[in-house]
């Protein structure tokens, strides 16, 4: 949920050791020493995620209608 302090804390802890954090039902947060570096890391993350899903036969988990409605109301 937007503004969730637990999520912010988890991202902060993960970012201490990585330049990318992938949050379920939220998406990636990527950092770099420059905008270009962050963009490159984002592209690499996206391609790696696609490969992971294809190779492991994983299904996508889209937000439920209730989750979409809650998110829409919170923005």
C-alpha atoms as a PDB file:
ATOM      1  CA  UNK A   1       0.000   0.000   0.000  1.00  0.00           C
ATOM      2  CA  UNK A   2       1.380   3.460  -0.782  1.00  0.00           C
ATOM      3  CA  UNK A   3       2.998   5.035   2.260  1.00  0.00           C
ATOM      4  CA  UNK A   4       3.399   1.739   4.142  1.00  0.00           C
ATOM      5  CA  UNK A   5       6.220   2.263   6.645  1.00  0.00           C
ATOM      6  CA  UNK A   6       7.027  -1.470   6.799  1.00  0.00           C
ATOM      7  CA  UNK A   7       7.562  -1.481   3.054  1.00  0.00           C
ATOM      8  CA  UNK A   8       9.759   1.617   3.254  1.00  0.00           C
ATOM      9  CA  UNK A   9      11.882  -0.008   5.966  1.00  0.00           C
ATOM     10  CA  UNK A  10      12.239  -3.244   3.984  1.00  0.00           C
ATOM     11  CA  UNK A  11      13.293  -1.340   0.849  1.00  0.00           C
ATOM     12  CA  UNK A  12      15.798   0.711   2.832  1.00  0.00           C
ATOM     13  CA  UNK A  13      17.356  -2.432   4.311  1.00  0.00           C
ATOM     14  CA  UNK A  14      17.551  -4.187   0.938  1.00  0.00           C
ATOM     15  CA  UNK A  15      18.976  -1.093  -0.766  1.00  0.00           C
ATOM     16  CA  UNK A  16      21.888  -1.086   1.669  1.00  0.00           C
ATOM     17  CA  UNK A  17      23.352  -4.112  -0.142  1.00  0.00           C
ATOM     18  CA  UNK A  18      21.893  -3.847  -3.653  1.00  0.00           C
ATOM     19  CA  UNK A  19      21.161  -1.253  -6.306  1.00  0.00           C
ATOM     20  CA  UNK A  20      17.813  -2.866  -7.173  1.00  0.00           C
ATOM     21  CA  UNK A  21      14.827  -3.965  -5.124  1.00  0.00           C
ATOM     22  CA  UNK A  22      11.838  -5.774  -6.626  1.00  0.00           C
ATOM     23  CA  UNK A  23       8.637  -5.375  -4.619  1.00  0.00           C
ATOM     24  CA  UNK A  24       5.723  -7.768  -5.093  1.00  0.00           C
ATOM     25  CA  UNK A  25       2.733  -5.978  -6.629  1.00  0.00           C
ATOM     26  CA  UNK A  26       4.724  -2.728  -6.762  1.00  0.00           C
ATOM     27  CA  UNK A  27       7.624  -3.189  -9.145  1.00  0.00           C
ATOM     28  CA  UNK A  28      11.299  -2.301  -9.069  1.00  0.00           C
ATOM     29  CA  UNK A  29      13.193   0.467  -7.344  1.00  0.00           C
ATOM     30  CA  UNK A  30      16.593   0.915  -8.974  1.00  0.00           C
ATOM     31  CA  UNK A  31      19.479   3.248  -8.165  1.00  0.00           C
ATOM     32  CA  UNK A  32      22.753   4.082  -9.854  1.00  0.00           C
ATOM     33  CA  UNK A  33      25.610   6.578  -9.726  1.00  0.00           C
ATOM     34  CA  UNK A  34      23.996   8.282 -12.717  1.00  0.00           C
ATOM     35  CA  UNK A  35      20.633   8.264 -14.440  1.00  0.00           C
ATOM     36  CA  UNK A  36      22.166   6.307 -17.312  1.00  0.00           C
ATOM     37  CA  UNK A  37      23.514   3.661 -14.925  1.00  0.00           C
ATOM     38  CA  UNK A  38      20.140   3.337 -13.204  1.00  0.00           C
ATOM     39  CA  UNK A  39      18.392   3.010 -16.577  1.00  0.00           C
ATOM     40  CA  UNK A  40      20.798   0.264 -17.650  1.00  0.00           C
ATOM     41  CA  UNK A  41      20.248  -1.577 -14.356  1.00  0.00           C
ATOM     42  CA  UNK A  42      16.475  -1.296 -14.839  1.00  0.00           C
ATOM     43  CA  UNK A  43      16.694  -2.826 -18.314  1.00  0.00           C
ATOM     44  CA  UNK A  44      18.898  -5.643 -17.034  1.00  0.00           C
ATOM     45  CA  UNK A  45      16.502  -6.310 -14.163  1.00  0.00           C
ATOM     46  CA  UNK A  46      13.526  -6.482 -16.533  1.00  0.00           C
ATOM     47  CA  UNK A  47      15.236  -8.910 -18.904  1.00  0.00           C
ATOM     48  CA  UNK A  48      16.477 -11.080 -16.035  1.00  0.00           C
ATOM     49  CA  UNK A  49      12.974 -11.202 -14.552  1.00  0.00           C
ATOM     50  CA  UNK A  50      11.508 -12.260 -17.911  1.00  0.00           C
ATOM     51  CA  UNK A  51      14.051 -15.066 -18.204  1.00  0.00           C
ATOM     52  CA  UNK A  52      13.430 -16.205 -14.640  1.00  0.00           C
ATOM     53  CA  UNK A  53       9.670 -16.403 -15.177  1.00  0.00           C
ATOM     54  CA  UNK A  54      10.006 -18.251 -18.486  1.00  0.00           C
ATOM     55  CA  UNK A  55      12.611 -20.733 -17.253  1.00  0.00           C
ATOM     56  CA  UNK A  56      10.800 -21.542 -14.018  1.00  0.00           C
ATOM     57  CA  UNK A  57       7.301 -21.738 -15.491  1.00  0.00           C
ATOM     58  CA  UNK A  58       6.064 -19.098 -13.071  1.00  0.00           C
ATOM     59  CA  UNK A  59       2.709 -17.450 -13.558  1.00  0.00           C
ATOM     60  CA  UNK A  60       2.094 -13.745 -13.211  1.00  0.00           C
ATOM     61  CA  UNK A  61       0.074 -12.639 -10.182  1.00  0.00           C
ATOM     62  CA  UNK A  62      -1.936  -9.621 -11.247  1.00  0.00           C
ATOM     63  CA  UNK A  63      -3.672  -7.524  -8.621  1.00  0.00           C
ATOM     64  CA  UNK A  64      -7.161  -8.677  -7.711  1.00  0.00           C
ATOM     65  CA  UNK A  65     -10.101  -6.365  -8.430  1.00  0.00           C
ATOM     66  CA  UNK A  66     -10.278  -5.528  -4.701  1.00  0.00           C
ATOM     67  CA  UNK A  67      -6.560  -4.665  -4.623  1.00  0.00           C
ATOM     68  CA  UNK A  68      -6.899  -2.465  -7.715  1.00  0.00           C
ATOM     69  CA  UNK A  69      -9.884  -0.683  -6.189  1.00  0.00           C
ATOM     70  CA  UNK A  70      -8.035  -0.071  -2.907  1.00  0.00           C
ATOM     71  CA  UNK A  71      -5.006   1.257  -4.778  1.00  0.00           C
ATOM     72  CA  UNK A  72      -7.149   3.533  -6.944  1.00  0.00           C
ATOM     73  CA  UNK A  73      -8.831   4.990  -3.865  1.00  0.00           C
ATOM     74  CA  UNK A  74      -5.489   5.649  -2.173  1.00  0.00           C
ATOM     75  CA  UNK A  75      -4.040   7.725  -5.006  1.00  0.00           C
END
